[in-house]
């Protein structure tokens, strides 16, 4: 039998509740300790309000908001990668740099996708 982590989740309904509260803890930690996440969250709040108020279809509102949620998701994953790399070693290493740069590149691509989504929806609505 393979060794398992003592942190491995439970089964059943307890696992679902535990996972929910772990997720809330993750969001709280990201807001408290990740400057980039706070910035993107601020953009998300303003953008979500704008999307709801825009004279576009419900589907377009969903796409606008969803593209910004993707940015938040990718930023959380990037922060997780950075935390693991820093946990393993604070020493400079090319592989550590690669891991952090790959995560950063993923955030950039998510931001470009969100920007392109907003541009297309707004262009189609107003021009």
C-alpha atoms as a PDB file:
ATOM      1  CA  UNK A   1       0.000   0.000   0.000  1.00  0.00           C
ATOM      2  CA  UNK A   2       1.341   3.426  -0.955  1.00  0.00           C
ATOM      3  CA  UNK A   3       1.914   5.931   1.833  1.00  0.00           C
ATOM      4  CA  UNK A   4      -0.727   8.652   1.971  1.00  0.00           C
ATOM      5  CA  UNK A   5      -0.621  12.118   3.377  1.00  0.00           C
ATOM      6  CA  UNK A   6      -2.233  12.725   6.741  1.00  0.00           C
ATOM      7  CA  UNK A   7      -3.849  15.704   5.021  1.00  0.00           C
ATOM      8  CA  UNK A   8      -5.623  13.524   2.462  1.00  0.00           C
ATOM      9  CA  UNK A   9      -9.308  14.407   2.423  1.00  0.00           C
ATOM     10  CA  UNK A  10     -12.087  12.358   3.979  1.00  0.00           C
ATOM     11  CA  UNK A  11     -14.860  10.727   2.004  1.00  0.00           C
ATOM     12  CA  UNK A  12     -18.530  11.543   1.659  1.00  0.00           C
ATOM     13  CA  UNK A  13     -20.337  14.675   2.737  1.00  0.00           C
ATOM     14  CA  UNK A  14     -17.622  15.595   5.242  1.00  0.00           C
ATOM     15  CA  UNK A  15     -15.126  15.814   2.371  1.00  0.00           C
ATOM     16  CA  UNK A  16     -17.377  18.209   0.479  1.00  0.00           C
ATOM     17  CA  UNK A  17     -17.748  20.508   3.500  1.00  0.00           C
ATOM     18  CA  UNK A  18     -14.032  20.319   4.272  1.00  0.00           C
ATOM     19  CA  UNK A  19     -13.110  21.109   0.665  1.00  0.00           C
ATOM     20  CA  UNK A  20     -15.459  24.115   0.688  1.00  0.00           C
ATOM     21  CA  UNK A  21     -13.849  25.555   3.821  1.00  0.00           C
ATOM     22  CA  UNK A  22     -10.329  24.845   2.521  1.00  0.00           C
ATOM     23  CA  UNK A  23     -11.277  26.783  -0.599  1.00  0.00           C
ATOM     24  CA  UNK A  24     -12.555  29.714   1.466  1.00  0.00           C
ATOM     25  CA  UNK A  25      -9.281  29.644   3.438  1.00  0.00           C
ATOM     26  CA  UNK A  26      -7.385  29.735   0.135  1.00  0.00           C
ATOM     27  CA  UNK A  27      -9.345  32.754  -1.078  1.00  0.00           C
ATOM     28  CA  UNK A  28      -8.815  34.563   2.236  1.00  0.00           C
ATOM     29  CA  UNK A  29      -5.088  33.858   2.116  1.00  0.00           C
ATOM     30  CA  UNK A  30      -4.862  35.049  -1.491  1.00  0.00           C
ATOM     31  CA  UNK A  31      -6.631  38.299  -0.628  1.00  0.00           C
ATOM     32  CA  UNK A  32      -4.402  38.833   2.427  1.00  0.00           C
ATOM     33  CA  UNK A  33      -1.044  37.893   0.956  1.00  0.00           C
ATOM     34  CA  UNK A  34      -1.116  38.103  -2.848  1.00  0.00           C
ATOM     35  CA  UNK A  35      -0.905  41.651  -4.204  1.00  0.00           C
ATOM     36  CA  UNK A  36      -1.545  40.566  -7.809  1.00  0.00           C
ATOM     37  CA  UNK A  37      -4.657  38.656  -6.751  1.00  0.00           C
ATOM     38  CA  UNK A  38      -6.018  41.726  -4.937  1.00  0.00           C
ATOM     39  CA  UNK A  39      -5.431  43.851  -8.045  1.00  0.00           C
ATOM     40  CA  UNK A  40      -7.143  41.331 -10.303  1.00  0.00           C
ATOM     41  CA  UNK A  41      -9.991  40.966  -7.821  1.00  0.00           C
ATOM     42  CA  UNK A  42     -10.524  44.744  -7.886  1.00  0.00           C
ATOM     43  CA  UNK A  43     -10.621  44.669 -11.693  1.00  0.00           C
ATOM     44  CA  UNK A  44     -13.021  41.733 -11.474  1.00  0.00           C
ATOM     45  CA  UNK A  45     -15.449  43.585  -9.168  1.00  0.00           C
ATOM     46  CA  UNK A  46     -15.489  46.690 -11.376  1.00  0.00           C
ATOM     47  CA  UNK A  47     -15.713  44.573 -14.534  1.00  0.00           C
ATOM     48  CA  UNK A  48     -18.503  42.373 -13.184  1.00  0.00           C
ATOM     49  CA  UNK A  49     -20.566  45.425 -12.258  1.00  0.00           C
ATOM     50  CA  UNK A  50     -19.912  46.926 -15.696  1.00  0.00           C
ATOM     51  CA  UNK A  51     -20.808  43.646 -17.418  1.00  0.00           C
ATOM     52  CA  UNK A  52     -24.115  43.413 -15.553  1.00  0.00           C
ATOM     53  CA  UNK A  53     -24.962  47.006 -16.494  1.00  0.00           C
ATOM     54  CA  UNK A  54     -23.954  46.748 -20.161  1.00  0.00           C
ATOM     55  CA  UNK A  55     -26.760  46.492 -22.718  1.00  0.00           C
ATOM     56  CA  UNK A  56     -25.662  43.063 -23.955  1.00  0.00           C
ATOM     57  CA  UNK A  57     -27.252  39.627 -23.814  1.00  0.00           C
ATOM     58  CA  UNK A  58     -27.159  37.476 -20.694  1.00  0.00           C
ATOM     59  CA  UNK A  59     -24.783  35.117 -22.490  1.00  0.00           C
ATOM     60  CA  UNK A  60     -22.405  37.970 -23.320  1.00  0.00           C
ATOM     61  CA  UNK A  61     -22.522  39.112 -19.678  1.00  0.00           C
ATOM     62  CA  UNK A  62     -21.620  35.569 -18.641  1.00  0.00           C
ATOM     63  CA  UNK A  63     -18.719  35.447 -21.113  1.00  0.00           C
ATOM     64  CA  UNK A  64     -17.388  38.823 -19.941  1.00  0.00           C
ATOM     65  CA  UNK A  65     -17.555  37.825 -16.283  1.00  0.00           C
ATOM     66  CA  UNK A  66     -16.313  34.285 -16.991  1.00  0.00           C
ATOM     67  CA  UNK A  67     -13.226  35.563 -18.785  1.00  0.00           C
ATOM     68  CA  UNK A  68     -12.328  37.544 -15.660  1.00  0.00           C
ATOM     69  CA  UNK A  69     -12.974  34.536 -13.415  1.00  0.00           C
ATOM     70  CA  UNK A  70     -10.461  32.613 -15.536  1.00  0.00           C
ATOM     71  CA  UNK A  71      -7.859  35.282 -14.726  1.00  0.00           C
ATOM     72  CA  UNK A  72      -8.538  34.822 -10.991  1.00  0.00           C
ATOM     73  CA  UNK A  73      -8.343  31.033 -11.293  1.00  0.00           C
ATOM     74  CA  UNK A  74      -5.045  31.129 -13.158  1.00  0.00           C
ATOM     75  CA  UNK A  75      -3.636  33.663 -10.669  1.00  0.00           C
ATOM     76  CA  UNK A  76      -4.506  31.317  -7.799  1.00  0.00           C
ATOM     77  CA  UNK A  77      -2.760  28.442  -9.575  1.00  0.00           C
ATOM     78  CA  UNK A  78       0.251  30.693 -10.243  1.00  0.00           C
ATOM     79  CA  UNK A  79       0.366  31.664  -6.571  1.00  0.00           C
ATOM     80  CA  UNK A  80       0.211  27.986  -5.609  1.00  0.00           C
ATOM     81  CA  UNK A  81       3.143  27.211  -7.909  1.00  0.00           C
ATOM     82  CA  UNK A  82       5.142  30.082  -6.424  1.00  0.00           C
ATOM     83  CA  UNK A  83       4.354  28.937  -2.875  1.00  0.00           C
ATOM     84  CA  UNK A  84       5.489  25.379  -3.605  1.00  0.00           C
ATOM     85  CA  UNK A  85       8.690  26.561  -5.299  1.00  0.00           C
ATOM     86  CA  UNK A  86       9.469  28.842  -2.343  1.00  0.00           C
ATOM     87  CA  UNK A  87       8.626  26.041   0.115  1.00  0.00           C
ATOM     88  CA  UNK A  88      11.083  23.706  -1.574  1.00  0.00           C
ATOM     89  CA  UNK A  89      13.897  26.281  -1.645  1.00  0.00           C
ATOM     90  CA  UNK A  90      14.435  30.020  -1.665  1.00  0.00           C
ATOM     91  CA  UNK A  91      17.711  29.419  -3.493  1.00  0.00           C
ATOM     92  CA  UNK A  92      17.843  30.737  -7.062  1.00  0.00           C
ATOM     93  CA  UNK A  93      17.638  27.872  -9.524  1.00  0.00           C
ATOM     94  CA  UNK A  94      16.846  27.796 -13.262  1.00  0.00           C
ATOM     95  CA  UNK A  95      14.036  25.263 -12.760  1.00  0.00           C
ATOM     96  CA  UNK A  96      12.477  27.405 -10.031  1.00  0.00           C
ATOM     97  CA  UNK A  97      12.640  30.397 -12.366  1.00  0.00           C
ATOM     98  CA  UNK A  98      11.050  28.361 -15.138  1.00  0.00           C
ATOM     99  CA  UNK A  99       8.182  27.245 -12.893  1.00  0.00           C
ATOM    100  CA  UNK A 100       7.480  30.798 -11.772  1.00  0.00           C
ATOM    101  CA  UNK A 101       7.829  32.191 -15.308  1.00  0.00           C
ATOM    102  CA  UNK A 102       5.463  29.540 -16.703  1.00  0.00           C
ATOM    103  CA  UNK A 103       2.880  30.465 -14.082  1.00  0.00           C
ATOM    104  CA  UNK A 104       3.301  34.140 -14.890  1.00  0.00           C
ATOM    105  CA  UNK A 105       2.945  33.426 -18.610  1.00  0.00           C
ATOM    106  CA  UNK A 106      -0.301  31.560 -17.907  1.00  0.00           C
ATOM    107  CA  UNK A 107      -1.652  34.623 -16.072  1.00  0.00           C
ATOM    108  CA  UNK A 108      -0.621  36.832 -18.997  1.00  0.00           C
ATOM    109  CA  UNK A 109      -2.453  34.588 -21.467  1.00  0.00           C
ATOM    110  CA  UNK A 110      -5.571  34.598 -19.272  1.00  0.00           C
ATOM    111  CA  UNK A 111      -5.445  38.407 -19.108  1.00  0.00           C
ATOM    112  CA  UNK A 112      -5.039  38.641 -22.888  1.00  0.00           C
ATOM    113  CA  UNK A 113      -8.013  36.303 -23.330  1.00  0.00           C
ATOM    114  CA  UNK A 114     -10.130  38.440 -20.996  1.00  0.00           C
ATOM    115  CA  UNK A 115      -9.073  41.622 -22.790  1.00  0.00           C
ATOM    116  CA  UNK A 116      -9.833  40.136 -26.208  1.00  0.00           C
ATOM    117  CA  UNK A 117     -13.216  38.885 -24.974  1.00  0.00           C
ATOM    118  CA  UNK A 118     -14.161  42.335 -23.712  1.00  0.00           C
ATOM    119  CA  UNK A 119     -12.919  43.967 -26.937  1.00  0.00           C
ATOM    120  CA  UNK A 120     -14.955  41.636 -29.154  1.00  0.00           C
ATOM    121  CA  UNK A 121     -18.152  41.937 -27.128  1.00  0.00           C
ATOM    122  CA  UNK A 122     -17.916  45.728 -26.846  1.00  0.00           C
ATOM    123  CA  UNK A 123     -16.909  46.169 -30.487  1.00  0.00           C
ATOM    124  CA  UNK A 124     -19.829  44.032 -31.674  1.00  0.00           C
ATOM    125  CA  UNK A 125     -22.257  45.934 -29.451  1.00  0.00           C
ATOM    126  CA  UNK A 126     -21.198  49.509 -30.128  1.00  0.00           C
ATOM    127  CA  UNK A 127     -19.646  49.520 -33.608  1.00  0.00           C
END
